[in-house]
Every structure is written in structure tokens, then in C-alpha cells.
Amino acid sequence: MSNKALCIVVGAGNGLGESLVQKFSQQNYHVVAISRSQGGVNEGNITTIQVDASKYDLLEATLNEVFDKYGLPSVLIHNTAQLYIESLQDTSVEHFTSAWQSMVLSAFNVMKIIVPKMAQQSRGTVIVSGATASLKAGANFSAFASAKFALRGLVQSVAREYQNQGIHIAHVVLDGILDTPASRKIHSLDPSDMMSTQDVAEAYIQIVQQKSSTWTHELDLRPKNEIF
């Protein structure tokens, strides 16, 4: 069993997920990176596992193997997303359901499995990535925004249930465009008007380091030029 603290990142794909994995591994955590699309890689402090977090039984079996090998987690980060930008009429039932499953159901599953494990130790930090749509739904975002609204409510409820057991649960509103190669192509923004994924990851580290007398439940992050 590893003598390093365990950090589990669910939604560890390109962009913010990758930056979170790298940042926490640099902080001497052993990071288990969970992705729907890639896995089977072990590099230094990082283990990548391919599993769909919306599938409870499969996820539970996978995480139990992780606990047996690396111990109980100190940090859980939920960073999954499924973005559809479509009118109500064009949004299919399949897309609406997919958005909910990828964000809300996956968060419910990982917290249901992991948070009680953290409570056994009376310590742990859970951070969930939100978005502008967690607070304000724009036109053509019915699937994405409704899932992000629900995700925020789920996090609030679990935070209030477990805070007295020493579990710090925080929701981060990412109010801006993350600076990734894909988003640069889509939005044609100058990088100075976007959110550095490394800087966002640093903010997540700061949440983990907070003392219990001054816990943040919700943090909003945005680039300096973002209107709010």
C-alpha cells in the first residue's frame, strides 16, 4: 500500500482534468485518474483507470480495488462534463439524459462510494467543478444547465450532511472559458481572456489546504475581463 495520500480525480481528460492530475501529483499525492475514454497507464505518482462513473456497480468494484491498493482517499475531485449547445427543440431525450448521467449521476455515485470512506477517517476534501450554468442558464443550454443546477444542489446537500464529520465539500463555479486547444479553436479568444487550467488547479490545492475554521463551500473563479 502506498504511503502517499490518495487523490482521486473523476473526469481526468484533456484540459482541466489533466492539469488537476499533474498538480496534485506534484504535491506528493498518489493520483488515481478516472476517465471514460482512457486508462491502463501508470507513471510515477499517477494511475489512470478507464471506467464510466455513471455505472455504479462497475465504479464501486473499480474503486474498491483502488482502496485495497492505495488506501482510503484524502481528496476527491469530480470534474466530469458533457456539453450540448442546442435549442430545446433540437435537444434529444438522449442528449438530455446523457448530460444528467455524465455530471449528476456520476457525482452521486462517486460521493456515495467515497464520502462514507472519508468519514471513517473523519477527514477528507471533495471538490466538484461547476460552471456559469450552475447559477445562470443561457439559451440553448437546457441539458447542460439543468444538470449543472442539479449538481450544485447535490453538493450542497452532501456538504451539509457530512461537514460535522470532518469532510470538507466544495463547489467551484468556473465562470469563464478554460484555456485548452479545443476551446481556442471554438471561441477565438486571447489566452489572457481565458482561464488557465494550471491556475484553476492551484485554486483547488488551496481549497484542500484550508483550515476547518475557514472552509469555503462555494468558490467562483473567472478571468479578469469576464463580466459578471
C-alpha atoms as a PDB file:
ATOM      1  CA  MET A   1       0.000   0.000   0.000  1.00  0.00           C
ATOM      2  CA  SER A   2       1.300   3.445  -0.933  1.00  0.00           C
ATOM      3  CA  ASN A   3       2.467   5.747   1.863  1.00  0.00           C
ATOM      4  CA  LYS A   4       1.315   8.775  -0.124  1.00  0.00           C
ATOM      5  CA  ALA A   5      -2.065  10.432   0.419  1.00  0.00           C
ATOM      6  CA  LEU A   6      -4.556   9.384  -2.242  1.00  0.00           C
ATOM      7  CA  CYS A   7      -6.299  11.840  -4.569  1.00  0.00           C
ATOM      8  CA  ILE A   8      -8.982  10.574  -6.949  1.00  0.00           C
ATOM      9  CA  VAL A   9      -9.816  12.720  -9.979  1.00  0.00           C
ATOM     10  CA  VAL A  10     -13.007  11.696 -11.774  1.00  0.00           C
ATOM     11  CA  GLY A  11     -13.123  13.287 -15.208  1.00  0.00           C
ATOM     12  CA  ALA A  12      -9.397  13.361 -15.881  1.00  0.00           C
ATOM     13  CA  GLY A  13      -9.419  14.058 -19.597  1.00  0.00           C
ATOM     14  CA  ASN A  14      -7.606  16.752 -21.545  1.00  0.00           C
ATOM     15  CA  GLY A  15      -7.702  20.274 -20.167  1.00  0.00           C
ATOM     16  CA  LEU A  16      -8.552  20.902 -16.528  1.00  0.00           C
ATOM     17  CA  GLY A  17      -8.648  17.217 -15.618  1.00  0.00           C
ATOM     18  CA  GLU A  18      -5.101  16.705 -16.854  1.00  0.00           C
ATOM     19  CA  SER A  19      -3.896  19.822 -15.007  1.00  0.00           C
ATOM     20  CA  LEU A  20      -5.533  18.641 -11.773  1.00  0.00           C
ATOM     21  CA  VAL A  21      -3.851  15.260 -12.060  1.00  0.00           C
ATOM     22  CA  GLN A  22      -0.437  16.837 -12.646  1.00  0.00           C
ATOM     23  CA  LYS A  23      -0.819  19.474  -9.931  1.00  0.00           C
ATOM     24  CA  PHE A  24      -1.832  17.033  -7.204  1.00  0.00           C
ATOM     25  CA  SER A  25       0.859  14.540  -8.198  1.00  0.00           C
ATOM     26  CA  GLN A  26       3.381  17.367  -7.798  1.00  0.00           C
ATOM     27  CA  GLN A  27       2.024  17.895  -4.280  1.00  0.00           C
ATOM     28  CA  ASN A  28       3.145  14.346  -3.438  1.00  0.00           C
ATOM     29  CA  TYR A  29      -0.260  12.709  -3.728  1.00  0.00           C
ATOM     30  CA  HIS A  30      -0.735   9.418  -5.458  1.00  0.00           C
ATOM     31  CA  VAL A  31      -3.368  10.371  -8.051  1.00  0.00           C
ATOM     32  CA  VAL A  32      -5.855   7.914  -9.472  1.00  0.00           C
ATOM     33  CA  ALA A  33      -7.207   9.499 -12.652  1.00  0.00           C
ATOM     34  CA  ILE A  34     -10.579   8.118 -13.731  1.00  0.00           C
ATOM     35  CA  SER A  35     -11.621   8.625 -17.336  1.00  0.00           C
ATOM     36  CA  ARG A  36     -14.332   7.253 -19.593  1.00  0.00           C
ATOM     37  CA  SER A  37     -12.015   7.141 -22.595  1.00  0.00           C
ATOM     38  CA  GLN A  38      -8.526   6.138 -21.477  1.00  0.00           C
ATOM     39  CA  GLY A  39      -6.803   4.054 -18.834  1.00  0.00           C
ATOM     40  CA  GLY A  40      -4.163   1.460 -18.071  1.00  0.00           C
ATOM     41  CA  VAL A  41      -1.327   3.952 -17.625  1.00  0.00           C
ATOM     42  CA  ASN A  42       0.973   4.061 -14.586  1.00  0.00           C
ATOM     43  CA  GLU A  43       3.539   6.852 -14.477  1.00  0.00           C
ATOM     44  CA  GLY A  44       5.195   7.824 -11.219  1.00  0.00           C
ATOM     45  CA  ASN A  45       2.510   9.054  -8.825  1.00  0.00           C
ATOM     46  CA  ILE A  46      -0.277   8.728 -11.417  1.00  0.00           C
ATOM     47  CA  THR A  47      -2.515   5.767 -12.173  1.00  0.00           C
ATOM     48  CA  THR A  48      -5.072   6.136 -14.972  1.00  0.00           C
ATOM     49  CA  ILE A  49      -8.162   3.917 -14.958  1.00  0.00           C
ATOM     50  CA  GLN A  50     -10.861   3.726 -17.620  1.00  0.00           C
ATOM     51  CA  VAL A  51     -14.344   3.400 -16.144  1.00  0.00           C
ATOM     52  CA  ASP A  52     -17.723   5.068 -16.676  1.00  0.00           C
ATOM     53  CA  ALA A  53     -18.578   6.755 -13.369  1.00  0.00           C
ATOM     54  CA  SER A  54     -22.288   6.689 -14.208  1.00  0.00           C
ATOM     55  CA  LYS A  55     -22.225   2.867 -13.881  1.00  0.00           C
ATOM     56  CA  TYR A  56     -22.457   2.358 -10.122  1.00  0.00           C
ATOM     57  CA  ASP A  57     -21.613  -1.339  -9.786  1.00  0.00           C
ATOM     58  CA  LEU A  58     -18.645  -1.126 -12.131  1.00  0.00           C
ATOM     59  CA  LEU A  59     -17.371   2.033 -10.436  1.00  0.00           C
ATOM     60  CA  GLU A  60     -17.727   0.539  -6.962  1.00  0.00           C
ATOM     61  CA  ALA A  61     -15.778  -2.574  -7.924  1.00  0.00           C
ATOM     62  CA  THR A  62     -13.051  -0.449  -9.504  1.00  0.00           C
ATOM     63  CA  LEU A  63     -12.751   1.878  -6.512  1.00  0.00           C
ATOM     64  CA  ASN A  64     -12.647  -0.998  -4.030  1.00  0.00           C
ATOM     65  CA  GLU A  65      -9.583  -2.265  -5.896  1.00  0.00           C
ATOM     66  CA  VAL A  66      -8.093   1.228  -5.634  1.00  0.00           C
ATOM     67  CA  PHE A  67      -8.743   1.352  -1.865  1.00  0.00           C
ATOM     68  CA  ASP A  68      -7.157  -2.073  -1.379  1.00  0.00           C
ATOM     69  CA  LYS A  69      -4.021  -0.967  -3.209  1.00  0.00           C
ATOM     70  CA  TYR A  70      -3.629   2.675  -2.160  1.00  0.00           C
ATOM     71  CA  GLY A  71      -5.729   3.100   0.999  1.00  0.00           C
ATOM     72  CA  LEU A  72      -8.653   5.423   1.614  1.00  0.00           C
ATOM     73  CA  PRO A  73      -8.715   8.723  -0.273  1.00  0.00           C
ATOM     74  CA  SER A  74      -7.879  12.116   1.206  1.00  0.00           C
ATOM     75  CA  VAL A  75      -9.112  14.122  -1.792  1.00  0.00           C
ATOM     76  CA  LEU A  76     -11.862  13.518  -4.338  1.00  0.00           C
ATOM     77  CA  ILE A  77     -12.303  15.803  -7.342  1.00  0.00           C
ATOM     78  CA  HIS A  78     -15.337  15.440  -9.586  1.00  0.00           C
ATOM     79  CA  ASN A  79     -14.673  17.138 -12.908  1.00  0.00           C
ATOM     80  CA  THR A  80     -16.885  15.429 -15.480  1.00  0.00           C
ATOM     81  CA  ALA A  81     -18.881  17.369 -18.062  1.00  0.00           C
ATOM     82  CA  GLN A  82     -20.995  16.784 -21.143  1.00  0.00           C
ATOM     83  CA  LEU A  83     -21.769  19.944 -23.074  1.00  0.00           C
ATOM     84  CA  TYR A  84     -24.606  20.203 -25.575  1.00  0.00           C
ATOM     85  CA  ILE A  85     -25.425  23.614 -27.068  1.00  0.00           C
ATOM     86  CA  GLU A  86     -28.796  23.094 -28.724  1.00  0.00           C
ATOM     87  CA  SER A  87     -32.224  24.640 -28.829  1.00  0.00           C
ATOM     88  CA  LEU A  88     -34.924  22.975 -26.763  1.00  0.00           C
ATOM     89  CA  GLN A  89     -36.478  21.584 -29.929  1.00  0.00           C
ATOM     90  CA  ASP A  90     -33.160  20.151 -31.106  1.00  0.00           C
ATOM     91  CA  THR A  91     -32.199  18.656 -27.741  1.00  0.00           C
ATOM     92  CA  SER A  92     -32.954  14.961 -27.850  1.00  0.00           C
ATOM     93  CA  VAL A  93     -34.009  12.883 -24.882  1.00  0.00           C
ATOM     94  CA  GLU A  94     -30.735  11.007 -25.339  1.00  0.00           C
ATOM     95  CA  HIS A  95     -28.647  14.167 -25.056  1.00  0.00           C
ATOM     96  CA  PHE A  96     -30.613  15.435 -22.070  1.00  0.00           C
ATOM     97  CA  THR A  97     -30.192  12.089 -20.305  1.00  0.00           C
ATOM     98  CA  SER A  98     -26.512  11.882 -21.242  1.00  0.00           C
ATOM     99  CA  ALA A  99     -25.801  15.300 -19.709  1.00  0.00           C
ATOM    100  CA  TRP A 100     -27.527  14.309 -16.478  1.00  0.00           C
ATOM    101  CA  GLN A 101     -25.785  10.944 -16.274  1.00  0.00           C
ATOM    102  CA  SER A 102     -22.309  12.273 -17.005  1.00  0.00           C
ATOM    103  CA  MET A 103     -22.491  15.083 -14.447  1.00  0.00           C
ATOM    104  CA  VAL A 104     -25.129  14.434 -11.775  1.00  0.00           C
ATOM    105  CA  LEU A 105     -25.374  10.650 -11.627  1.00  0.00           C
ATOM    106  CA  SER A 106     -21.605  10.231 -11.771  1.00  0.00           C
ATOM    107  CA  ALA A 107     -21.170  12.707  -8.897  1.00  0.00           C
ATOM    108  CA  PHE A 108     -23.834  10.928  -6.835  1.00  0.00           C
ATOM    109  CA  ASN A 109     -22.110   7.598  -7.457  1.00  0.00           C
ATOM    110  CA  VAL A 110     -18.595   8.681  -6.545  1.00  0.00           C
ATOM    111  CA  MET A 111     -19.714  10.567  -3.446  1.00  0.00           C
ATOM    112  CA  LYS A 112     -21.942   7.696  -2.295  1.00  0.00           C
ATOM    113  CA  ILE A 113     -18.955   5.353  -2.508  1.00  0.00           C
ATOM    114  CA  ILE A 114     -16.142   7.639  -1.344  1.00  0.00           C
ATOM    115  CA  VAL A 115     -17.538  10.144   1.170  1.00  0.00           C
ATOM    116  CA  PRO A 116     -18.520   7.491   3.758  1.00  0.00           C
ATOM    117  CA  LYS A 117     -14.968   6.116   3.430  1.00  0.00           C
ATOM    118  CA  MET A 118     -13.629   9.573   4.212  1.00  0.00           C
ATOM    119  CA  ALA A 119     -15.988   9.819   7.189  1.00  0.00           C
ATOM    120  CA  GLN A 120     -14.361   6.686   8.633  1.00  0.00           C
ATOM    121  CA  GLN A 121     -11.196   8.783   8.945  1.00  0.00           C
ATOM    122  CA  SER A 122     -13.061  11.971   9.998  1.00  0.00           C
ATOM    123  CA  ARG A 123     -11.219  13.891   7.305  1.00  0.00           C
ATOM    124  CA  GLY A 124     -11.198  14.464   3.581  1.00  0.00           C
ATOM    125  CA  THR A 125     -11.895  17.052   0.895  1.00  0.00           C
ATOM    126  CA  VAL A 126     -14.316  16.790  -2.019  1.00  0.00           C
ATOM    127  CA  ILE A 127     -14.237  19.400  -4.803  1.00  0.00           C
ATOM    128  CA  VAL A 128     -16.818  19.476  -7.586  1.00  0.00           C
ATOM    129  CA  SER A 129     -16.330  21.513 -10.766  1.00  0.00           C
ATOM    130  CA  GLY A 130     -19.309  23.669 -11.649  1.00  0.00           C
ATOM    131  CA  ALA A 131     -19.813  26.299 -14.335  1.00  0.00           C
ATOM    132  CA  THR A 132     -21.504  29.599 -15.092  1.00  0.00           C
ATOM    133  CA  ALA A 133     -24.519  27.434 -15.943  1.00  0.00           C
ATOM    134  CA  SER A 134     -24.647  26.242 -12.320  1.00  0.00           C
ATOM    135  CA  LEU A 135     -26.109  29.659 -11.468  1.00  0.00           C
ATOM    136  CA  LYS A 136     -27.387  31.138 -14.726  1.00  0.00           C
ATOM    137  CA  ALA A 137     -28.879  29.225 -17.634  1.00  0.00           C
ATOM    138  CA  GLY A 138     -28.395  30.690 -21.077  1.00  0.00           C
ATOM    139  CA  ALA A 139     -30.499  29.984 -24.137  1.00  0.00           C
ATOM    140  CA  ASN A 140     -29.674  26.684 -25.860  1.00  0.00           C
ATOM    141  CA  PHE A 141     -28.143  25.186 -22.704  1.00  0.00           C
ATOM    142  CA  SER A 142     -31.189  23.319 -21.359  1.00  0.00           C
ATOM    143  CA  ALA A 143     -29.419  19.959 -20.957  1.00  0.00           C
ATOM    144  CA  PHE A 144     -26.125  21.314 -19.632  1.00  0.00           C
ATOM    145  CA  ALA A 145     -27.568  23.980 -17.323  1.00  0.00           C
ATOM    146  CA  SER A 146     -30.230  21.772 -15.783  1.00  0.00           C
ATOM    147  CA  ALA A 147     -27.573  19.174 -14.954  1.00  0.00           C
ATOM    148  CA  LYS A 148     -25.209  21.777 -13.519  1.00  0.00           C
ATOM    149  CA  PHE A 149     -28.030  23.269 -11.407  1.00  0.00           C
ATOM    150  CA  ALA A 150     -28.807  19.795 -10.059  1.00  0.00           C
ATOM    151  CA  LEU A 151     -25.137  19.092  -9.408  1.00  0.00           C
ATOM    152  CA  ARG A 152     -24.848  22.217  -7.279  1.00  0.00           C
ATOM    153  CA  GLY A 153     -27.865  21.164  -5.206  1.00  0.00           C
ATOM    154  CA  LEU A 154     -26.431  17.688  -4.716  1.00  0.00           C
ATOM    155  CA  VAL A 155     -23.134  19.127  -3.485  1.00  0.00           C
ATOM    156  CA  GLN A 156     -24.894  21.477  -1.047  1.00  0.00           C
ATOM    157  CA  SER A 157     -26.881  18.629   0.458  1.00  0.00           C
ATOM    158  CA  VAL A 158     -23.920  16.284   0.886  1.00  0.00           C
ATOM    159  CA  ALA A 159     -21.776  19.099   2.309  1.00  0.00           C
ATOM    160  CA  ARG A 160     -24.337  19.838   4.995  1.00  0.00           C
ATOM    161  CA  GLU A 161     -24.736  16.154   5.809  1.00  0.00           C
ATOM    162  CA  TYR A 162     -21.030  15.475   6.270  1.00  0.00           C
ATOM    163  CA  GLN A 163     -19.419  18.723   7.398  1.00  0.00           C
ATOM    164  CA  ASN A 164     -19.728  17.821  11.085  1.00  0.00           C
ATOM    165  CA  GLN A 165     -17.939  14.544  10.333  1.00  0.00           C
ATOM    166  CA  GLY A 166     -14.852  16.428   9.204  1.00  0.00           C
ATOM    167  CA  ILE A 167     -15.484  16.261   5.458  1.00  0.00           C
ATOM    168  CA  HIS A 168     -14.921  19.469   3.511  1.00  0.00           C
ATOM    169  CA  ILE A 169     -17.069  19.565   0.363  1.00  0.00           C
ATOM    170  CA  ALA A 170     -16.749  22.491  -2.020  1.00  0.00           C
ATOM    171  CA  HIS A 171     -18.358  23.506  -5.311  1.00  0.00           C
ATOM    172  CA  VAL A 172     -16.302  25.645  -7.715  1.00  0.00           C
ATOM    173  CA  VAL A 173     -18.087  27.857 -10.243  1.00  0.00           C
ATOM    174  CA  LEU A 174     -15.810  28.123 -13.280  1.00  0.00           C
ATOM    175  CA  ASP A 175     -17.174  31.339 -14.750  1.00  0.00           C
ATOM    176  CA  GLY A 176     -15.254  31.587 -17.983  1.00  0.00           C
ATOM    177  CA  ILE A 177     -13.714  29.646 -20.834  1.00  0.00           C
ATOM    178  CA  LEU A 178     -10.944  27.235 -19.900  1.00  0.00           C
ATOM    179  CA  ASP A 179      -7.803  27.706 -21.960  1.00  0.00           C
ATOM    180  CA  THR A 180      -7.422  24.492 -23.939  1.00  0.00           C
ATOM    181  CA  PRO A 181      -6.517  23.868 -27.598  1.00  0.00           C
ATOM    182  CA  ALA A 182     -10.110  22.855 -28.311  1.00  0.00           C
ATOM    183  CA  SER A 183     -11.644  25.943 -26.700  1.00  0.00           C
ATOM    184  CA  ARG A 184      -9.200  28.248 -28.505  1.00  0.00           C
ATOM    185  CA  LYS A 185     -10.464  26.897 -31.820  1.00  0.00           C
ATOM    186  CA  ILE A 186     -14.105  27.278 -30.821  1.00  0.00           C
ATOM    187  CA  HIS A 187     -14.013  30.709 -29.202  1.00  0.00           C
ATOM    188  CA  SER A 188     -11.063  32.515 -30.868  1.00  0.00           C
ATOM    189  CA  LEU A 189     -10.207  34.221 -27.585  1.00  0.00           C
ATOM    190  CA  ASP A 190      -6.879  35.610 -26.487  1.00  0.00           C
ATOM    191  CA  PRO A 191      -5.420  33.331 -23.768  1.00  0.00           C
ATOM    192  CA  SER A 192      -5.361  36.310 -21.376  1.00  0.00           C
ATOM    193  CA  ASP A 193      -9.176  36.323 -21.529  1.00  0.00           C
ATOM    194  CA  MET A 194      -9.403  32.626 -20.687  1.00  0.00           C
ATOM    195  CA  MET A 195      -8.902  30.568 -17.538  1.00  0.00           C
ATOM    196  CA  SER A 196      -5.540  28.872 -17.172  1.00  0.00           C
ATOM    197  CA  THR A 197      -6.160  25.254 -16.218  1.00  0.00           C
ATOM    198  CA  GLN A 198      -2.963  25.308 -14.151  1.00  0.00           C
ATOM    199  CA  ASP A 199      -4.219  28.315 -12.194  1.00  0.00           C
ATOM    200  CA  VAL A 200      -7.587  26.646 -11.603  1.00  0.00           C
ATOM    201  CA  ALA A 201      -5.774  23.539 -10.349  1.00  0.00           C
ATOM    202  CA  GLU A 202      -3.773  25.723  -7.978  1.00  0.00           C
ATOM    203  CA  ALA A 203      -7.023  27.123  -6.563  1.00  0.00           C
ATOM    204  CA  TYR A 204      -8.194  23.545  -5.919  1.00  0.00           C
ATOM    205  CA  ILE A 205      -4.973  22.896  -3.989  1.00  0.00           C
ATOM    206  CA  GLN A 206      -5.714  25.975  -1.880  1.00  0.00           C
ATOM    207  CA  ILE A 207      -9.183  24.635  -1.030  1.00  0.00           C
ATOM    208  CA  VAL A 208      -7.653  21.383   0.203  1.00  0.00           C
ATOM    209  CA  GLN A 209      -5.244  23.350   2.384  1.00  0.00           C
ATOM    210  CA  GLN A 210      -7.968  25.397   4.121  1.00  0.00           C
ATOM    211  CA  LYS A 211      -8.314  25.081   7.889  1.00  0.00           C
ATOM    212  CA  SER A 212     -11.624  23.778   9.226  1.00  0.00           C
ATOM    213  CA  SER A 213     -12.400  27.122  10.879  1.00  0.00           C
ATOM    214  CA  THR A 214     -12.492  28.797   7.453  1.00  0.00           C
ATOM    215  CA  TRP A 215     -13.827  26.301   4.929  1.00  0.00           C
ATOM    216  CA  THR A 216     -15.103  27.514   1.581  1.00  0.00           C
ATOM    217  CA  HIS A 217     -18.265  25.783   0.422  1.00  0.00           C
ATOM    218  CA  GLU A 218     -18.516  27.625  -2.894  1.00  0.00           C
ATOM    219  CA  LEU A 219     -15.806  29.449  -4.781  1.00  0.00           C
ATOM    220  CA  ASP A 220     -16.255  31.357  -8.032  1.00  0.00           C
ATOM    221  CA  LEU A 221     -13.307  31.744 -10.385  1.00  0.00           C
ATOM    222  CA  ARG A 222     -13.183  33.883 -13.518  1.00  0.00           C
ATOM    223  CA  PRO A 223     -10.611  35.678 -15.699  1.00  0.00           C
ATOM    224  CA  LYS A 224     -10.100  39.369 -15.031  1.00  0.00           C
ATOM    225  CA  ASN A 225     -12.038  40.500 -18.127  1.00  0.00           C
ATOM    226  CA  GLU A 226     -15.094  38.307 -17.531  1.00  0.00           C
ATOM    227  CA  ILE A 227     -18.355  40.233 -16.992  1.00  0.00           C
ATOM    228  CA  PHE A 228     -20.429  39.041 -14.049  1.00  0.00           C
END
